[in-house]
Amino acid sequence: MTTAWRYVEETVALLSARSPKLGQALRKAKRDGLHYLVLDGTLIHIDRIKADRPYFSGKHRVHGMNVQVIASPDGTILWTSGALPGKAHDLSAARIWGILRALEQAGIVILADKAYQGAEGPVRTPYKGKNKPGSQKQANRSHARLRGPGERANAQLKSWKILRKLRCSPSKAGHLCKAIAVLQNHRVAQAA
């Protein structure tokens, strides 16, 4: 049994190492002629006890790990971050991982949800607030229409049974997401 777990951990580590770094992913997106990318955070549920406050996400009311995902407009996973405790806000996580700085250097526009409002650089978020004028409502609908397929990347990640509720060390969540992204992209490439 110990040998099997060692093989699993080695495989996850190898696949995670094959996932692209942020700069590589952005350069490839630019070479591929993508006009914009989609940034979204996701919470990977974990089994932690109530005493583990850093892992508790007040927004989702569960314990988890925050993972940032950059996807192409068609929903292909281009890059996933490591994992931060669930209490980390998406904008804070993006700053911690250097995503905003890298996007500005790459000169790529990125669409994100309202959690990223206040982000500097090329991040475009929907208008906030109630009683918006019609033009802002229309802009938000267009923004959501463009962002929607890209947000499918998080659904692809969470479709893997292992990420429905992580029962291993929370520190492994980021490596598992990177490994799954490599496998997901390999599966898509094989089908094409």
N, C-alpha and C. Protein backbone atom coordinates (compact mmCIF):
# COMPACT_ATOMS: atom_id res chain seq x y z
N MET A 1 0.82 -1.19 0.00
CA MET A 1 0.00 0.00 0.00
C MET A 1 0.87 1.26 0.00
N THR A 2 1.95 1.22 0.79
CA THR A 2 2.85 2.37 0.86
C THR A 2 3.49 2.62 -0.50
N THR A 3 3.86 1.56 -1.19
CA THR A 3 4.48 1.70 -2.51
C THR A 3 3.50 2.34 -3.49
N ALA A 4 2.24 1.94 -3.44
CA ALA A 4 1.24 2.50 -4.34
C ALA A 4 1.09 4.00 -4.10
N TRP A 5 1.03 4.41 -2.84
CA TRP A 5 0.90 5.85 -2.54
C TRP A 5 2.14 6.62 -2.99
N ARG A 6 3.31 5.98 -2.84
CA ARG A 6 4.53 6.64 -3.31
C ARG A 6 4.47 6.85 -4.81
N TYR A 7 3.98 5.85 -5.55
CA TYR A 7 3.84 5.98 -7.00
C TYR A 7 2.87 7.10 -7.37
N VAL A 8 1.77 7.17 -6.65
CA VAL A 8 0.78 8.22 -6.90
C VAL A 8 1.40 9.60 -6.67
N GLU A 9 2.09 9.76 -5.55
CA GLU A 9 2.71 11.06 -5.24
C GLU A 9 3.79 11.41 -6.25
N GLU A 10 4.57 10.44 -6.69
CA GLU A 10 5.60 10.70 -7.70
C GLU A 10 4.98 11.11 -9.03
N THR A 11 3.88 10.46 -9.39
CA THR A 11 3.20 10.78 -10.64
C THR A 11 2.62 12.19 -10.60
N VAL A 12 2.00 12.54 -9.48
CA VAL A 12 1.44 13.89 -9.33
C VAL A 12 2.57 14.92 -9.40
N ALA A 13 3.70 14.63 -8.76
CA ALA A 13 4.83 15.57 -8.78
C ALA A 13 5.37 15.72 -10.21
N LEU A 14 5.47 14.63 -10.95
CA LEU A 14 5.96 14.70 -12.34
C LEU A 14 5.01 15.49 -13.23
N LEU A 15 3.72 15.21 -13.11
CA LEU A 15 2.74 15.94 -13.93
C LEU A 15 2.71 17.42 -13.55
N SER A 16 2.78 17.71 -12.26
CA SER A 16 2.77 19.09 -11.81
C SER A 16 3.98 19.85 -12.36
N ALA A 17 5.12 19.19 -12.40
CA ALA A 17 6.34 19.82 -12.93
C ALA A 17 6.22 20.11 -14.43
N ARG A 18 5.38 19.35 -15.13
CA ARG A 18 5.19 19.56 -16.57
C ARG A 18 4.22 20.70 -16.88
N SER A 19 3.52 21.18 -15.87
CA SER A 19 2.58 22.27 -16.13
C SER A 19 3.37 23.55 -16.40
N PRO A 20 2.85 24.40 -17.28
CA PRO A 20 3.60 25.60 -17.65
C PRO A 20 3.67 26.61 -16.51
N LYS A 21 4.77 27.33 -16.48
CA LYS A 21 4.90 28.47 -15.56
C LYS A 21 4.04 29.60 -16.11
N LEU A 22 3.74 30.58 -15.28
CA LEU A 22 2.86 31.67 -15.68
C LEU A 22 3.38 32.40 -16.92
N GLY A 23 4.65 32.75 -16.93
CA GLY A 23 5.24 33.45 -18.08
C GLY A 23 5.16 32.64 -19.36
N GLN A 24 5.42 31.34 -19.26
CA GLN A 24 5.34 30.45 -20.43
C GLN A 24 3.92 30.41 -20.97
N ALA A 25 2.95 30.29 -20.07
CA ALA A 25 1.55 30.21 -20.49
C ALA A 25 1.12 31.49 -21.20
N LEU A 26 1.54 32.64 -20.67
CA LEU A 26 1.16 33.92 -21.28
C LEU A 26 1.84 34.12 -22.63
N ARG A 27 3.11 33.71 -22.74
CA ARG A 27 3.80 33.81 -24.05
C ARG A 27 3.13 32.92 -25.09
N LYS A 28 2.74 31.71 -24.68
CA LYS A 28 2.06 30.80 -25.62
C LYS A 28 0.71 31.38 -26.05
N ALA A 29 -0.01 31.98 -25.12
CA ALA A 29 -1.31 32.59 -25.45
C ALA A 29 -1.12 33.71 -26.47
N LYS A 30 -0.05 34.48 -26.30
CA LYS A 30 0.22 35.57 -27.23
C LYS A 30 0.60 35.02 -28.61
N ARG A 31 1.44 33.97 -28.63
CA ARG A 31 1.82 33.33 -29.90
C ARG A 31 0.61 32.74 -30.62
N ASP A 32 -0.33 32.20 -29.83
CA ASP A 32 -1.53 31.59 -30.40
C ASP A 32 -2.55 32.63 -30.86
N GLY A 33 -2.25 33.91 -30.61
CA GLY A 33 -3.13 34.99 -31.08
C GLY A 33 -4.40 35.18 -30.27
N LEU A 34 -4.38 34.77 -29.00
CA LEU A 34 -5.57 34.95 -28.17
C LEU A 34 -5.69 36.43 -27.81
N HIS A 35 -6.86 37.00 -28.02
CA HIS A 35 -7.07 38.42 -27.78
C HIS A 35 -7.31 38.74 -26.31
N TYR A 36 -7.80 37.77 -25.57
CA TYR A 36 -8.02 37.96 -24.14
C TYR A 36 -8.01 36.60 -23.46
N LEU A 37 -7.84 36.63 -22.15
CA LEU A 37 -7.87 35.41 -21.34
C LEU A 37 -8.89 35.61 -20.22
N VAL A 38 -9.20 34.55 -19.51
CA VAL A 38 -10.16 34.61 -18.42
C VAL A 38 -9.46 34.17 -17.14
N LEU A 39 -9.56 35.02 -16.11
CA LEU A 39 -8.98 34.72 -14.80
C LEU A 39 -10.11 34.46 -13.83
N ASP A 40 -10.01 33.38 -13.10
CA ASP A 40 -11.03 33.07 -12.10
C ASP A 40 -10.41 32.26 -10.99
N GLY A 41 -10.88 32.47 -9.79
CA GLY A 41 -10.44 31.69 -8.65
C GLY A 41 -11.46 30.60 -8.35
N THR A 42 -10.99 29.51 -7.78
CA THR A 42 -11.90 28.45 -7.39
C THR A 42 -11.49 27.94 -6.01
N LEU A 43 -12.44 27.40 -5.30
CA LEU A 43 -12.18 26.86 -3.97
C LEU A 43 -12.23 25.35 -4.04
N ILE A 44 -11.14 24.72 -3.67
CA ILE A 44 -11.07 23.25 -3.61
C ILE A 44 -11.43 22.87 -2.18
N HIS A 45 -12.53 22.16 -2.00
CA HIS A 45 -12.99 21.77 -0.67
C HIS A 45 -12.01 20.79 -0.03
N ILE A 46 -11.77 20.98 1.26
CA ILE A 46 -10.90 20.08 2.01
C ILE A 46 -11.60 19.65 3.29
N ASP A 47 -11.11 18.59 3.88
CA ASP A 47 -11.71 18.13 5.14
C ASP A 47 -10.84 18.62 6.31
N ARG A 48 -11.17 19.76 6.82
CA ARG A 48 -10.45 20.35 7.95
C ARG A 48 -11.42 20.51 9.11
N ILE A 49 -10.86 20.62 10.29
CA ILE A 49 -11.72 20.81 11.46
C ILE A 49 -11.96 22.30 11.70
N LYS A 50 -12.90 22.60 12.56
CA LYS A 50 -13.30 23.98 12.81
C LYS A 50 -12.14 24.84 13.32
N ALA A 51 -11.16 24.22 13.97
CA ALA A 51 -10.03 24.98 14.52
C ALA A 51 -9.10 25.51 13.42
N ASP A 52 -9.20 24.97 12.23
CA ASP A 52 -8.32 25.39 11.13
C ASP A 52 -8.90 26.61 10.43
N ARG A 53 -8.94 27.74 11.11
CA ARG A 53 -9.57 28.96 10.58
C ARG A 53 -8.96 29.46 9.28
N PRO A 54 -7.65 29.39 9.06
CA PRO A 54 -7.12 29.94 7.80
C PRO A 54 -7.71 29.27 6.56
N TYR A 55 -8.17 28.04 6.71
CA TYR A 55 -8.69 27.32 5.56
C TYR A 55 -10.17 27.57 5.34
N PHE A 56 -10.82 28.28 6.26
CA PHE A 56 -12.26 28.49 6.16
C PHE A 56 -12.57 29.68 5.26
N SER A 57 -13.38 29.41 4.23
CA SER A 57 -13.81 30.46 3.32
C SER A 57 -15.17 30.97 3.80
N GLY A 58 -15.20 32.23 4.22
CA GLY A 58 -16.45 32.81 4.67
C GLY A 58 -17.47 32.92 3.54
N LYS A 59 -16.99 33.14 2.32
CA LYS A 59 -17.89 33.28 1.18
C LYS A 59 -18.62 31.96 0.90
N HIS A 60 -17.89 30.86 0.93
CA HIS A 60 -18.48 29.56 0.61
C HIS A 60 -18.93 28.79 1.85
N ARG A 61 -18.50 29.26 3.02
CA ARG A 61 -18.82 28.65 4.31
C ARG A 61 -18.35 27.20 4.41
N VAL A 62 -17.19 26.93 3.84
CA VAL A 62 -16.56 25.61 3.94
C VAL A 62 -15.05 25.81 4.04
N HIS A 63 -14.36 24.77 4.45
CA HIS A 63 -12.91 24.79 4.45
C HIS A 63 -12.42 24.46 3.04
N GLY A 64 -11.37 25.14 2.61
CA GLY A 64 -10.87 24.87 1.27
C GLY A 64 -9.56 25.56 0.98
N MET A 65 -9.12 25.38 -0.24
CA MET A 65 -7.89 25.99 -0.74
C MET A 65 -8.25 26.82 -1.97
N ASN A 66 -7.73 28.05 -2.04
CA ASN A 66 -7.98 28.96 -3.15
C ASN A 66 -6.94 28.70 -4.24
N VAL A 67 -7.42 28.41 -5.45
CA VAL A 67 -6.55 28.19 -6.61
C VAL A 67 -7.00 29.15 -7.72
N GLN A 68 -6.05 29.85 -8.31
CA GLN A 68 -6.32 30.77 -9.42
C GLN A 68 -6.12 30.03 -10.74
N VAL A 69 -7.02 30.26 -11.68
CA VAL A 69 -6.97 29.58 -12.97
C VAL A 69 -7.03 30.61 -14.09
N ILE A 70 -6.11 30.50 -15.04
CA ILE A 70 -6.17 31.32 -16.25
C ILE A 70 -6.54 30.39 -17.39
N ALA A 71 -7.58 30.80 -18.12
CA ALA A 71 -8.09 29.96 -19.20
C ALA A 71 -8.18 30.76 -20.49
N SER A 72 -8.19 30.03 -21.59
CA SER A 72 -8.39 30.66 -22.90
C SER A 72 -9.89 30.96 -23.05
N PRO A 73 -10.27 31.76 -24.04
CA PRO A 73 -11.68 32.07 -24.22
C PRO A 73 -12.58 30.85 -24.47
N ASP A 74 -11.99 29.75 -24.93
CA ASP A 74 -12.80 28.55 -25.18
C ASP A 74 -12.86 27.60 -23.98
N GLY A 75 -12.20 27.96 -22.87
CA GLY A 75 -12.27 27.14 -21.67
C GLY A 75 -11.10 26.22 -21.46
N THR A 76 -10.09 26.29 -22.29
CA THR A 76 -8.89 25.47 -22.11
C THR A 76 -8.08 26.03 -20.95
N ILE A 77 -7.66 25.16 -20.05
CA ILE A 77 -6.87 25.59 -18.91
C ILE A 77 -5.45 25.89 -19.40
N LEU A 78 -5.01 27.13 -19.21
CA LEU A 78 -3.67 27.51 -19.62
C LEU A 78 -2.69 27.45 -18.45
N TRP A 79 -3.17 27.80 -17.25
CA TRP A 79 -2.28 27.85 -16.08
C TRP A 79 -3.10 27.77 -14.82
N THR A 80 -2.56 27.11 -13.81
CA THR A 80 -3.17 27.11 -12.48
C THR A 80 -2.10 27.50 -11.48
N SER A 81 -2.51 28.22 -10.46
CA SER A 81 -1.58 28.64 -9.42
C SER A 81 -1.41 27.52 -8.41
N GLY A 82 -0.55 27.78 -7.45
CA GLY A 82 -0.49 26.92 -6.29
C GLY A 82 -1.73 27.20 -5.45
N ALA A 83 -1.81 26.59 -4.29
CA ALA A 83 -2.99 26.76 -3.45
C ALA A 83 -2.67 27.63 -2.24
N LEU A 84 -3.61 28.49 -1.92
CA LEU A 84 -3.56 29.31 -0.72
C LEU A 84 -4.72 28.92 0.18
N PRO A 85 -4.62 29.18 1.49
CA PRO A 85 -5.75 28.86 2.37
C PRO A 85 -7.04 29.52 1.87
N GLY A 86 -8.15 28.88 2.11
CA GLY A 86 -9.45 29.31 1.60
C GLY A 86 -9.88 30.71 1.98
N LYS A 87 -9.35 31.26 3.06
CA LYS A 87 -9.76 32.61 3.46
C LYS A 87 -9.17 33.68 2.55
N ALA A 88 -8.20 33.32 1.68
CA ALA A 88 -7.58 34.29 0.78
C ALA A 88 -8.59 34.76 -0.26
N HIS A 89 -8.70 36.07 -0.43
CA HIS A 89 -9.57 36.66 -1.43
C HIS A 89 -8.92 36.47 -2.81
N ASP A 90 -9.74 36.37 -3.86
CA ASP A 90 -9.21 36.15 -5.20
C ASP A 90 -8.22 37.22 -5.64
N LEU A 91 -8.52 38.49 -5.37
CA LEU A 91 -7.61 39.57 -5.77
C LEU A 91 -6.29 39.48 -5.01
N SER A 92 -6.36 39.17 -3.72
CA SER A 92 -5.14 39.00 -2.93
C SER A 92 -4.31 37.84 -3.47
N ALA A 93 -4.99 36.74 -3.80
CA ALA A 93 -4.29 35.58 -4.34
C ALA A 93 -3.61 35.92 -5.67
N ALA A 94 -4.31 36.68 -6.51
CA ALA A 94 -3.72 37.08 -7.80
C ALA A 94 -2.48 37.94 -7.59
N ARG A 95 -2.52 38.80 -6.59
CA ARG A 95 -1.34 39.62 -6.29
C ARG A 95 -0.21 38.78 -5.71
N ILE A 96 -0.53 37.85 -4.83
CA ILE A 96 0.49 36.99 -4.22
C ILE A 96 1.22 36.18 -5.28
N TRP A 97 0.47 35.64 -6.24
CA TRP A 97 1.08 34.81 -7.28
C TRP A 97 1.71 35.64 -8.40
N GLY A 98 1.59 36.95 -8.35
CA GLY A 98 2.22 37.81 -9.36
C GLY A 98 1.50 37.79 -10.69
N ILE A 99 0.24 37.42 -10.68
CA ILE A 99 -0.53 37.30 -11.93
C ILE A 99 -0.73 38.67 -12.57
N LEU A 100 -1.10 39.65 -11.79
CA LEU A 100 -1.40 40.97 -12.34
C LEU A 100 -0.16 41.60 -12.98
N ARG A 101 0.97 41.47 -12.33
CA ARG A 101 2.23 42.01 -12.86
C ARG A 101 2.61 41.30 -14.16
N ALA A 102 2.48 39.98 -14.18
CA ALA A 102 2.83 39.20 -15.37
C ALA A 102 1.91 39.54 -16.54
N LEU A 103 0.63 39.75 -16.26
CA LEU A 103 -0.32 40.11 -17.32
C LEU A 103 0.02 41.48 -17.92
N GLU A 104 0.38 42.41 -17.04
CA GLU A 104 0.73 43.74 -17.52
C GLU A 104 1.98 43.69 -18.40
N GLN A 105 2.96 42.91 -17.99
CA GLN A 105 4.19 42.77 -18.77
C GLN A 105 3.92 42.10 -20.11
N ALA A 106 3.00 41.12 -20.12
CA ALA A 106 2.68 40.40 -21.35
C ALA A 106 1.78 41.23 -22.27
N GLY A 107 1.07 42.21 -21.70
CA GLY A 107 0.19 43.04 -22.51
C GLY A 107 -1.05 42.31 -22.99
N ILE A 108 -1.54 41.38 -22.19
CA ILE A 108 -2.73 40.62 -22.55
C ILE A 108 -3.90 41.10 -21.69
N VAL A 109 -5.03 41.34 -22.32
CA VAL A 109 -6.24 41.74 -21.59
C VAL A 109 -6.81 40.49 -20.94
N ILE A 110 -7.28 40.66 -19.72
CA ILE A 110 -7.88 39.52 -19.02
C ILE A 110 -9.25 39.92 -18.48
N LEU A 111 -10.21 39.05 -18.66
CA LEU A 111 -11.56 39.25 -18.13
C LEU A 111 -11.67 38.50 -16.82
N ALA A 112 -12.23 39.17 -15.82
CA ALA A 112 -12.38 38.55 -14.51
C ALA A 112 -13.71 38.98 -13.91
N ASP A 113 -14.13 38.27 -12.87
CA ASP A 113 -15.39 38.63 -12.23
C ASP A 113 -15.19 39.76 -11.22
N LYS A 114 -16.25 40.10 -10.49
CA LYS A 114 -16.23 41.25 -9.59
C LYS A 114 -15.24 41.10 -8.44
N ALA A 115 -14.81 39.88 -8.16
CA ALA A 115 -13.84 39.66 -7.08
C ALA A 115 -12.51 40.35 -7.36
N TYR A 116 -12.24 40.68 -8.62
CA TYR A 116 -10.96 41.28 -8.99
C TYR A 116 -11.06 42.79 -9.18
N GLN A 117 -12.18 43.40 -8.79
CA GLN A 117 -12.28 44.86 -8.93
C GLN A 117 -11.23 45.52 -8.07
N GLY A 118 -10.59 46.52 -8.65
CA GLY A 118 -9.50 47.19 -7.97
C GLY A 118 -8.15 46.73 -8.46
N ALA A 119 -8.16 45.71 -9.32
CA ALA A 119 -6.90 45.21 -9.88
C ALA A 119 -6.39 46.21 -10.91
N GLU A 120 -5.12 46.47 -10.86
CA GLU A 120 -4.53 47.38 -11.83
C GLU A 120 -4.18 46.62 -13.11
N GLY A 121 -3.78 47.36 -14.11
CA GLY A 121 -3.33 46.73 -15.34
C GLY A 121 -4.46 46.35 -16.26
N PRO A 122 -4.25 45.28 -17.02
CA PRO A 122 -5.18 44.91 -18.09
C PRO A 122 -6.39 44.08 -17.65
N VAL A 123 -6.70 44.06 -16.35
CA VAL A 123 -7.83 43.26 -15.86
C VAL A 123 -9.12 44.04 -16.05
N ARG A 124 -10.09 43.43 -16.73
CA ARG A 124 -11.39 44.05 -16.99
C ARG A 124 -12.44 43.30 -16.17
N THR A 125 -13.15 44.05 -15.34
CA THR A 125 -14.19 43.47 -14.49
C THR A 125 -15.53 44.12 -14.81
N PRO A 126 -16.64 43.48 -14.46
CA PRO A 126 -17.95 44.09 -14.70
C PRO A 126 -18.19 45.27 -13.76
N TYR A 127 -19.14 46.10 -14.15
CA TYR A 127 -19.54 47.22 -13.30
C TYR A 127 -20.24 46.69 -12.07
N LYS A 128 -20.03 47.36 -10.94
CA LYS A 128 -20.63 46.96 -9.68
C LYS A 128 -21.77 47.91 -9.32
N GLY A 129 -22.63 47.48 -8.43
CA GLY A 129 -23.66 48.37 -7.90
C GLY A 129 -25.04 48.11 -8.47
N LYS A 130 -26.02 48.68 -7.77
CA LYS A 130 -27.41 48.55 -8.20
C LYS A 130 -27.80 49.79 -8.99
N ASN A 131 -28.91 49.68 -9.68
CA ASN A 131 -29.46 50.80 -10.47
C ASN A 131 -28.44 51.38 -11.46
N LYS A 132 -27.77 50.48 -12.15
CA LYS A 132 -26.80 50.91 -13.16
C LYS A 132 -27.55 51.40 -14.39
N PRO A 133 -26.94 52.32 -15.13
CA PRO A 133 -27.57 52.73 -16.39
C PRO A 133 -27.56 51.56 -17.38
N GLY A 134 -28.42 51.65 -18.38
CA GLY A 134 -28.56 50.59 -19.36
C GLY A 134 -27.26 50.23 -20.06
N SER A 135 -26.42 51.22 -20.33
CA SER A 135 -25.16 50.94 -21.02
C SER A 135 -24.25 50.06 -20.16
N GLN A 136 -24.23 50.28 -18.84
CA GLN A 136 -23.41 49.44 -17.97
C GLN A 136 -23.98 48.03 -17.85
N LYS A 137 -25.31 47.93 -17.83
CA LYS A 137 -25.94 46.60 -17.79
C LYS A 137 -25.60 45.82 -19.05
N GLN A 138 -25.65 46.49 -20.20
CA GLN A 138 -25.31 45.84 -21.47
C GLN A 138 -23.84 45.42 -21.49
N ALA A 139 -22.97 46.30 -20.97
CA ALA A 139 -21.54 45.98 -20.89
C ALA A 139 -21.32 44.76 -20.00
N ASN A 140 -22.04 44.67 -18.88
CA ASN A 140 -21.91 43.51 -17.99
C ASN A 140 -22.39 42.23 -18.66
N ARG A 141 -23.47 42.32 -19.44
CA ARG A 141 -23.96 41.13 -20.16
C ARG A 141 -22.93 40.67 -21.18
N SER A 142 -22.35 41.60 -21.91
CA SER A 142 -21.33 41.25 -22.90
C SER A 142 -20.10 40.67 -22.23
N HIS A 143 -19.72 41.25 -21.11
CA HIS A 143 -18.56 40.77 -20.35
C HIS A 143 -18.81 39.33 -19.90
N ALA A 144 -19.99 39.06 -19.37
CA ALA A 144 -20.33 37.71 -18.90
C ALA A 144 -20.37 36.72 -20.06
N ARG A 145 -20.87 37.16 -21.22
CA ARG A 145 -20.94 36.29 -22.39
C ARG A 145 -19.53 35.88 -22.85
N LEU A 146 -18.60 36.83 -22.81
CA LEU A 146 -17.23 36.54 -23.21
C LEU A 146 -16.50 35.70 -22.17
N ARG A 147 -16.79 35.95 -20.91
CA ARG A 147 -16.09 35.28 -19.81
C ARG A 147 -16.63 33.87 -19.56
N GLY A 148 -17.89 33.64 -19.86
CA GLY A 148 -18.54 32.37 -19.53
C GLY A 148 -17.82 31.11 -19.99
N PRO A 149 -17.51 31.01 -21.29
CA PRO A 149 -16.82 29.79 -21.73
C PRO A 149 -15.46 29.59 -21.06
N GLY A 150 -14.78 30.69 -20.76
CA GLY A 150 -13.49 30.59 -20.09
C GLY A 150 -13.61 30.09 -18.66
N GLU A 151 -14.73 30.40 -18.03
CA GLU A 151 -14.93 29.94 -16.66
C GLU A 151 -15.24 28.44 -16.60
N ARG A 152 -15.48 27.85 -17.74
CA ARG A 152 -15.69 26.41 -17.81
C ARG A 152 -14.44 25.64 -17.33
N ALA A 153 -13.29 26.30 -17.38
CA ALA A 153 -12.04 25.66 -16.94
C ALA A 153 -12.14 25.19 -15.49
N ASN A 154 -12.75 26.02 -14.62
CA ASN A 154 -12.91 25.60 -13.23
C ASN A 154 -13.83 24.39 -13.12
N ALA A 155 -14.86 24.36 -13.93
CA ALA A 155 -15.76 23.20 -13.92
C ALA A 155 -15.02 21.95 -14.38
N GLN A 156 -14.12 22.10 -15.35
CA GLN A 156 -13.33 20.96 -15.81
C GLN A 156 -12.43 20.45 -14.68
N LEU A 157 -11.82 21.36 -13.94
CA LEU A 157 -10.98 20.95 -12.82
C LEU A 157 -11.80 20.18 -11.78
N LYS A 158 -12.93 20.77 -11.42
CA LYS A 158 -13.73 20.17 -10.36
C LYS A 158 -14.49 18.92 -10.80
N SER A 159 -14.49 18.61 -12.09
CA SER A 159 -15.14 17.39 -12.54
C SER A 159 -14.32 16.15 -12.16
N TRP A 160 -13.05 16.35 -11.81
CA TRP A 160 -12.21 15.25 -11.37
C TRP A 160 -12.58 14.92 -9.93
N LYS A 161 -12.94 13.69 -9.70
CA LYS A 161 -13.49 13.27 -8.41
C LYS A 161 -12.57 13.60 -7.23
N ILE A 162 -11.28 13.54 -7.43
CA ILE A 162 -10.34 13.79 -6.33
C ILE A 162 -10.46 15.21 -5.79
N LEU A 163 -10.93 16.15 -6.60
CA LEU A 163 -11.03 17.54 -6.14
C LEU A 163 -12.39 17.89 -5.56
N ARG A 164 -13.31 16.94 -5.50
CA ARG A 164 -14.63 17.26 -4.93
C ARG A 164 -14.53 17.52 -3.44
N LYS A 165 -13.70 16.77 -2.75
CA LYS A 165 -13.39 17.04 -1.34
C LYS A 165 -12.04 16.40 -1.06
N LEU A 166 -11.02 17.24 -0.94
CA LEU A 166 -9.65 16.77 -0.77
C LEU A 166 -9.46 16.22 0.64
N ARG A 167 -8.97 15.00 0.73
CA ARG A 167 -8.80 14.37 2.04
C ARG A 167 -7.33 14.15 2.37
N CYS A 168 -6.46 14.81 1.63
CA CYS A 168 -5.03 14.72 1.92
C CYS A 168 -4.56 16.07 2.47
N SER A 169 -3.28 16.23 2.59
CA SER A 169 -2.74 17.49 3.10
C SER A 169 -3.16 18.64 2.18
N PRO A 170 -3.63 19.75 2.73
CA PRO A 170 -4.05 20.90 1.91
C PRO A 170 -2.92 21.42 1.02
N SER A 171 -1.68 21.21 1.44
CA SER A 171 -0.55 21.71 0.65
C SER A 171 -0.45 21.01 -0.70
N LYS A 172 -1.11 19.89 -0.87
CA LYS A 172 -1.05 19.15 -2.14
C LYS A 172 -2.08 19.62 -3.16
N ALA A 173 -3.00 20.49 -2.75
CA ALA A 173 -4.08 20.92 -3.65
C ALA A 173 -3.54 21.59 -4.90
N GLY A 174 -2.57 22.47 -4.78
CA GLY A 174 -2.01 23.17 -5.94
C GLY A 174 -1.35 22.21 -6.91
N HIS A 175 -0.59 21.25 -6.38
CA HIS A 175 0.07 20.27 -7.25
C HIS A 175 -0.95 19.39 -7.96
N LEU A 176 -2.01 19.01 -7.25
CA LEU A 176 -3.05 18.20 -7.88
C LEU A 176 -3.73 18.97 -9.01
N CYS A 177 -4.02 20.26 -8.79
CA CYS A 177 -4.66 21.07 -9.84
C CYS A 177 -3.76 21.19 -11.05
N LYS A 178 -2.47 21.41 -10.83
CA LYS A 178 -1.53 21.51 -11.95
C LYS A 178 -1.45 20.18 -12.71
N ALA A 179 -1.40 19.07 -11.98
CA ALA A 179 -1.35 17.75 -12.61
C ALA A 179 -2.62 17.49 -13.42
N ILE A 180 -3.76 17.83 -12.86
CA ILE A 180 -5.03 17.63 -13.56
C ILE A 180 -5.10 18.49 -14.82
N ALA A 181 -4.60 19.73 -14.73
CA ALA A 181 -4.59 20.60 -15.91
C ALA A 181 -3.76 19.99 -17.03
N VAL A 182 -2.61 19.41 -16.68
CA VAL A 182 -1.78 18.75 -17.69
C VAL A 182 -2.52 17.58 -18.32
N LEU A 183 -3.16 16.76 -17.48
CA LEU A 183 -3.92 15.61 -18.00
C LEU A 183 -5.12 16.06 -18.83
N GLN A 184 -5.81 17.09 -18.37
CA GLN A 184 -6.98 17.61 -19.11
C GLN A 184 -6.57 18.11 -20.49
N ASN A 185 -5.49 18.87 -20.55
CA ASN A 185 -5.02 19.40 -21.84
C ASN A 185 -4.51 18.28 -22.74
N HIS A 186 -3.92 17.26 -22.14
CA HIS A 186 -3.45 16.11 -22.93
C HIS A 186 -4.66 15.36 -23.53
N ARG A 187 -5.71 15.21 -22.72
CA ARG A 187 -6.91 14.54 -23.17
C ARG A 187 -7.54 15.30 -24.36
N VAL A 188 -7.60 16.62 -24.24
CA VAL A 188 -8.17 17.46 -25.29
C VAL A 188 -7.31 17.37 -26.57
N ALA A 189 -5.99 17.37 -26.41
CA ALA A 189 -5.08 17.29 -27.55
C ALA A 189 -5.23 15.95 -28.26
N GLN A 190 -5.43 14.89 -27.51
CA GLN A 190 -5.61 13.55 -28.10
C GLN A 190 -6.91 13.44 -28.86
N ALA A 191 -7.95 14.13 -28.36
CA ALA A 191 -9.25 14.07 -29.01
C ALA A 191 -9.28 14.86 -30.31
N ALA A 192 -8.40 15.86 -30.43
CA ALA A 192 -8.38 16.71 -31.62
C ALA A 192 -7.71 16.09 -32.81
